[in-house]
Amino acid sequence: MILAIDIGNTHTVVGIYNGGKLLGDWRVTSFVTRTEDEFGMLVKQFCDDAKVPLKKIASVGIASVVPNLTDVCVRMSRKYFRIEPVVVSSDLDLGITVLYDDPRSVGADRLCNAVAGFVKHKGPVVIVDFGTATTFDVVSKNGEYLGGVITAGVETTSGELHRRAAKLPKIDLKFPERVIGKNTVESMQAGIMYGALDSMETMIRRISKELDDYPTVIATGGFSEMMKRQSKVIHKHEPALVLDGIRLIVERLERKKKKR
């Protein structure tokens, strides 16, 4: 079985796979002060919830954009599982060619999205990840990671509006029934949510034009389900795409090791 750990700026998501099946996934806050023992006890609880003994975990994969927590989870893997984890980076054999100017600057989560998107749906494919930032990652039909787009996420935009404008409240992030708001909350919801939706759809059209092709568009991340319901350009909703990418990379490296 594979333990997959996706460490983001806001949340850390842990998943347990038996072959290609995700047995369960859990989301916790990415506290940078968390120790390897705290992570270890959390993971032990997750394994108990999934009825998976710790000794059944054969591999650990980590995709992280928080360096301090990467080190913590590496130590946790060694201490609790006696396993040297796979830490996702562009230095690994990912099964795709990274054509970014500086491959090492691509976030591990984006690499995992690209790998999973391409393996599961072939190319060209665009993965839109609605997280702290909204990212667009583009993979060609030949398995080349071409790059992408980074913009402010829905929650980030809302938080900045509230922080910078004293009279604008914190709001629930959901699509209002109409675009023309009848009060401040509705007006903010319309601006943030429909603004993000229209921005995303325009960006997909621009990417398609640049590719001179019609890519499969996959949505993932915290607001992906909401966006999928509203959008006409999103083809697939894959909430566990980063975890899937971690699993696929770990499996690929294990197959290579067995062939030696």
Protein backbone atom coordinates (compact mmCIF):
# COMPACT_ATOMS: atom_id res chain seq x y z
CA MET A 1 0.00 0.00 0.00
CA ILE A 2 1.07 3.57 -0.62
CA LEU A 3 0.81 6.51 1.78
CA ALA A 4 0.54 9.75 -0.22
CA ILE A 5 1.06 13.12 1.48
CA ASP A 6 0.19 16.39 -0.28
CA ILE A 7 1.53 19.35 1.74
CA GLY A 8 0.01 22.65 0.65
CA ASN A 9 0.34 26.15 2.05
CA THR A 10 -3.02 25.96 3.82
CA HIS A 11 -3.83 22.26 4.16
CA THR A 12 -2.06 18.91 4.14
CA VAL A 13 -3.97 16.01 2.57
CA VAL A 14 -3.08 12.41 3.39
CA GLY A 15 -4.28 9.48 1.28
CA ILE A 16 -3.88 5.71 1.52
CA TYR A 17 -3.90 3.62 -1.67
CA ASN A 18 -4.33 -0.09 -2.17
CA GLY A 19 -3.22 -0.48 -5.77
CA GLY A 20 -5.10 2.16 -7.72
CA LYS A 21 -7.89 2.44 -5.16
CA LEU A 22 -7.95 5.37 -2.74
CA LEU A 23 -9.08 3.85 0.56
CA GLY A 24 -9.47 7.21 2.25
CA ASP A 25 -8.13 10.74 2.42
CA TRP A 26 -7.90 13.21 5.28
CA ARG A 27 -7.25 16.96 5.42
CA VAL A 28 -5.42 18.77 8.24
CA THR A 29 -4.07 22.29 8.67
CA SER A 30 -0.47 22.81 7.50
CA PHE A 31 0.97 24.05 10.79
CA VAL A 32 4.69 24.64 10.19
CA THR A 33 5.38 24.00 13.89
CA ARG A 34 4.00 20.45 13.72
CA THR A 35 6.56 17.78 14.65
CA GLU A 36 7.23 14.39 13.07
CA ASP A 37 5.62 12.73 16.10
CA GLU A 38 2.46 14.82 15.71
CA PHE A 39 2.31 13.87 12.04
CA GLY A 40 3.06 10.27 12.93
CA MET A 41 0.17 10.09 15.40
CA LEU A 42 -2.17 11.69 12.87
CA VAL A 43 -1.16 9.22 10.17
CA LYS A 44 -1.50 6.33 12.62
CA GLN A 45 -5.07 7.49 13.34
CA PHE A 46 -5.81 7.71 9.61
CA CYS A 47 -4.49 4.17 9.11
CA ASP A 48 -6.68 2.98 11.98
CA ASP A 49 -9.70 4.70 10.39
CA ALA A 50 -8.98 2.89 7.11
CA LYS A 51 -8.33 -0.39 8.99
CA VAL A 52 -4.81 -0.50 7.54
CA PRO A 53 -2.01 -1.75 9.85
CA LEU A 54 1.11 0.46 9.70
CA LYS A 55 3.18 -2.51 8.52
CA LYS A 56 1.01 -2.74 5.37
CA ILE A 57 2.34 0.62 4.15
CA ALA A 58 5.07 -0.33 1.68
CA SER A 59 5.82 3.09 0.16
CA VAL A 60 5.48 6.75 1.10
CA GLY A 61 5.28 9.62 -1.38
CA ILE A 62 5.42 13.31 -0.50
CA ALA A 63 4.52 16.33 -2.64
CA SER A 64 5.20 19.54 -0.76
CA VAL A 65 5.35 23.28 -1.31
CA VAL A 66 6.33 23.90 2.34
CA PRO A 67 10.03 22.96 2.78
CA ASN A 68 9.94 22.83 6.60
CA LEU A 69 7.06 20.36 6.55
CA THR A 70 8.76 18.30 3.84
CA ASP A 71 11.61 17.61 6.25
CA VAL A 72 9.17 16.84 9.07
CA CYS A 73 7.28 14.28 6.96
CA VAL A 74 10.50 12.68 5.72
CA ARG A 75 11.55 12.15 9.34
CA MET A 76 8.05 10.86 10.18
CA SER A 77 8.25 8.30 7.36
CA ARG A 78 11.64 7.05 8.51
CA LYS A 79 10.63 6.86 12.18
CA TYR A 80 7.12 5.38 11.93
CA PHE A 81 7.36 3.28 8.75
CA ARG A 82 11.11 2.65 8.37
CA ILE A 83 10.66 3.86 4.79
CA GLU A 84 12.74 6.33 2.79
CA PRO A 85 9.98 8.36 1.12
CA VAL A 86 9.79 9.55 -2.47
CA VAL A 87 9.86 13.36 -2.42
CA VAL A 88 8.39 14.59 -5.70
CA SER A 89 10.53 16.96 -7.75
CA SER A 90 11.47 17.54 -11.38
CA ASP A 91 14.69 15.59 -10.74
CA LEU A 92 12.72 12.32 -10.71
CA ASP A 93 11.66 10.28 -13.73
CA LEU A 94 8.08 11.50 -13.86
CA GLY A 95 7.08 10.04 -17.20
CA ILE A 96 6.60 13.52 -18.65
CA THR A 97 9.17 16.01 -19.98
CA VAL A 98 9.26 19.29 -18.05
CA LEU A 99 9.86 22.18 -20.46
CA TYR A 100 9.71 24.96 -17.86
CA ASP A 101 12.66 27.40 -18.00
CA ASP A 102 13.72 26.22 -14.54
CA PRO A 103 12.15 22.78 -13.95
CA ARG A 104 13.08 22.83 -10.26
CA SER A 105 10.90 25.89 -9.70
CA VAL A 106 7.70 24.02 -10.61
CA GLY A 107 5.73 23.17 -7.47
CA ALA A 108 5.50 19.48 -6.61
CA ASP A 109 1.70 19.70 -6.53
CA ARG A 110 1.67 21.05 -10.08
CA LEU A 111 3.96 18.24 -11.26
CA CYS A 112 1.66 15.66 -9.65
CA ASN A 113 -1.39 17.23 -11.28
CA ALA A 114 0.36 17.16 -14.65
CA VAL A 115 1.45 13.53 -14.30
CA ALA A 116 -1.97 12.31 -13.15
CA GLY A 117 -3.82 14.37 -15.75
CA PHE A 118 -1.68 13.03 -18.58
CA VAL A 119 -1.64 9.38 -17.44
CA LYS A 120 -5.39 9.28 -16.84
CA HIS A 121 -6.61 11.38 -19.77
CA LYS A 122 -3.69 11.70 -22.24
CA GLY A 123 -2.91 15.05 -23.82
CA PRO A 124 -3.37 17.76 -24.52
CA VAL A 125 -4.71 18.37 -21.05
CA VAL A 126 -5.13 21.40 -18.82
CA ILE A 127 -5.43 20.95 -15.07
CA VAL A 128 -7.02 23.81 -13.15
CA ASP A 129 -6.30 23.61 -9.42
CA PHE A 130 -8.52 25.88 -7.33
CA GLY A 131 -6.40 26.24 -4.20
CA THR A 132 -4.70 29.10 -2.32
CA ALA A 133 -3.61 30.08 -5.80
CA THR A 134 -5.52 29.01 -8.89
CA THR A 135 -3.06 27.27 -11.18
CA PHE A 136 -3.36 26.10 -14.78
CA ASP A 137 -0.95 23.36 -15.88
CA VAL A 138 -0.67 22.38 -19.53
CA VAL A 139 0.58 19.04 -20.89
CA SER A 140 0.91 18.42 -24.63
CA LYS A 141 -0.27 15.34 -26.49
CA ASN A 142 3.38 14.18 -26.44
CA GLY A 143 3.61 14.29 -22.65
CA GLU A 144 5.48 17.59 -22.42
CA TYR A 145 4.78 19.83 -19.46
CA LEU A 146 4.59 23.16 -21.28
CA GLY A 147 4.05 25.42 -18.26
CA GLY A 148 0.95 27.24 -17.18
CA VAL A 149 -0.66 30.13 -15.36
CA ILE A 150 -0.77 31.19 -11.70
CA THR A 151 -3.35 33.61 -10.34
CA ALA A 152 -4.90 34.45 -6.98
CA GLY A 153 -7.24 31.81 -5.60
CA VAL A 154 -10.87 32.42 -4.74
CA GLU A 155 -10.26 32.41 -0.98
CA THR A 156 -7.17 34.59 -1.34
CA THR A 157 -9.11 37.18 -3.36
CA SER A 158 -11.91 37.25 -0.79
CA GLY A 159 -9.47 37.58 2.11
CA GLU A 160 -7.60 40.44 0.48
CA LEU A 161 -10.83 42.34 -0.21
CA HIS A 162 -11.87 42.01 3.42
CA ARG A 163 -8.40 42.94 4.69
CA ARG A 164 -7.90 46.00 2.50
CA ALA A 165 -11.44 47.43 2.52
CA ALA A 166 -12.68 48.12 6.05
CA LYS A 167 -16.38 48.01 5.19
CA LEU A 168 -16.30 44.77 3.19
CA PRO A 169 -17.18 41.77 5.38
CA LYS A 170 -15.97 38.18 5.36
CA ILE A 171 -18.39 36.16 3.25
CA ASP A 172 -19.37 32.58 2.46
CA LEU A 173 -17.83 31.73 -0.87
CA LYS A 174 -20.65 30.44 -3.04
CA PHE A 175 -22.35 31.39 -6.30
CA PRO A 176 -25.29 33.77 -5.72
CA GLU A 177 -28.47 33.26 -7.72
CA ARG A 178 -27.87 36.41 -9.73
CA VAL A 179 -24.91 38.46 -10.88
CA ILE A 180 -26.46 41.81 -9.94
CA GLY A 181 -26.19 41.74 -6.16
CA LYS A 182 -28.89 43.32 -4.02
CA ASN A 183 -26.62 43.75 -0.99
CA THR A 184 -22.90 43.88 -0.18
CA VAL A 185 -22.54 40.14 0.45
CA GLU A 186 -24.28 39.15 -2.81
CA SER A 187 -22.26 41.74 -4.71
CA MET A 188 -18.98 40.38 -3.33
CA GLN A 189 -20.03 36.77 -3.99
CA ALA A 190 -20.94 37.65 -7.58
CA GLY A 191 -17.70 39.52 -8.17
CA ILE A 192 -15.45 36.88 -6.64
CA MET A 193 -17.16 33.68 -7.82
CA TYR A 194 -18.41 34.68 -11.27
CA GLY A 195 -15.22 36.70 -11.75
CA ALA A 196 -13.12 33.59 -11.03
CA LEU A 197 -15.34 31.45 -13.28
CA ASP A 198 -15.20 33.84 -16.23
CA SER A 199 -11.46 34.40 -15.77
CA MET A 200 -10.89 30.64 -15.81
CA GLU A 201 -13.00 30.08 -18.92
CA THR A 202 -11.29 32.94 -20.76
CA MET A 203 -7.88 31.54 -19.79
CA ILE A 204 -8.86 28.10 -21.12
CA ARG A 205 -9.86 29.66 -24.44
CA ARG A 206 -6.53 31.49 -24.63
CA ILE A 207 -4.59 28.32 -23.82
CA SER A 208 -6.56 26.35 -26.43
CA LYS A 209 -5.80 29.00 -29.04
CA GLU A 210 -2.09 28.91 -28.18
CA LEU A 211 -2.08 25.11 -28.37
CA ASP A 212 -4.13 25.21 -31.58
CA ASP A 213 -6.02 22.27 -30.09
CA TYR A 214 -8.92 21.44 -27.77
CA PRO A 215 -7.48 20.11 -24.49
CA THR A 216 -9.28 18.04 -21.89
CA VAL A 217 -9.88 20.34 -18.93
CA ILE A 218 -9.70 18.85 -15.44
CA ALA A 219 -10.69 20.70 -12.26
CA THR A 220 -9.22 19.87 -8.87
CA GLY A 221 -8.71 21.63 -5.53
CA GLY A 222 -11.03 23.05 -2.89
CA PHE A 223 -13.45 24.97 -5.12
CA SER A 224 -13.32 22.62 -8.12
CA GLU A 225 -16.68 20.91 -7.57
CA MET A 226 -18.44 24.26 -7.30
CA MET A 227 -16.73 25.53 -10.47
CA LYS A 228 -17.46 22.32 -12.39
CA ARG A 229 -21.19 22.73 -11.73
CA GLN A 230 -21.14 26.24 -13.21
CA SER A 231 -18.65 25.85 -16.06
CA LYS A 232 -19.16 24.79 -19.66
CA VAL A 233 -15.46 24.21 -20.35
CA ILE A 234 -14.49 21.82 -17.52
CA HIS A 235 -14.74 18.20 -18.65
CA LYS A 236 -13.67 16.30 -15.51
CA HIS A 237 -13.71 16.85 -11.76
CA GLU A 238 -10.88 14.98 -9.99
CA PRO A 239 -10.69 16.04 -6.32
CA ALA A 240 -7.75 13.73 -5.46
CA LEU A 241 -5.58 14.48 -8.49
CA VAL A 242 -2.42 15.46 -6.56
CA LEU A 243 -2.67 12.28 -4.47
CA ASP A 244 -3.19 10.27 -7.67
CA GLY A 245 -0.07 11.88 -9.12
CA ILE A 246 1.98 10.98 -6.05
CA ARG A 247 0.81 7.37 -6.32
CA LEU A 248 1.56 7.16 -10.04
CA ILE A 249 5.06 8.58 -9.58
CA VAL A 250 5.83 6.19 -6.70
CA GLU A 251 4.55 3.23 -8.74
CA ARG A 252 6.61 4.27 -11.77
CA LEU A 253 9.82 4.50 -9.71
CA GLU A 254 9.11 1.13 -8.07
CA ARG A 255 8.67 -0.51 -11.49
CA LYS A 256 12.00 0.95 -12.61
CA LYS A 257 13.71 -0.35 -9.48
CA LYS A 258 12.39 -3.89 -10.07
CA LYS A 259 13.77 -3.91 -13.63
CA ARG A 260 17.33 -3.27 -12.46
